[in-house]
Amino acid sequence: MTDNTQLRDKEHLILQQINSGNDDVQKITAATTLENHHVTYAFQKLEEHGLIEVSKPDGMVERVIDGQKRVFQHPKQAELTEKGEQYLQHSEPEDLDDYENLSHRELVQRIHQLEQDMAELQQSFQTFRKQVQNHLER
């Protein structure tokens, strides 16, 4: 990968997820709206570019998923290479769609925050409107 090559949004997101500790396919799919095959494909491409190293640990893993305890084969795991770390440090975040890759929980939280912000703005606007009307009536 040359310095002027840009990653697709999904690949950039996956690098960010790996950097933040979500280092295997299942953790990334749980934290985003990406599907297993998207993450697996991105792992392959990122590894070809030397940005990550992918391994398939032996054995089983036990995790709580959607409130249920599950045991399954350990998913593919990735680790950033030095080149991957440098890429993240020097890459400008692209105009990623802020909502496309959020989990359901993150979307709900974002909507609640936006609704609260909107209510505050509406209240502020009503107050401002009254102030302007009072000023014009003088």
Foldseek 3Di string as FASTA:
>chain_A
DDLPDDDDLLLLVVLVCQVVPQFFLVSQVQFWVDDSVSSVVSVVVCVVVVQKDKDQDADWDWDQDPNRIDIDRGGIGIHTDPVNVVCNVPDDDDPDDPRRIGHPVVVVVVVVVVVVVVVVVVVVVVVVVVVVVVVVVD
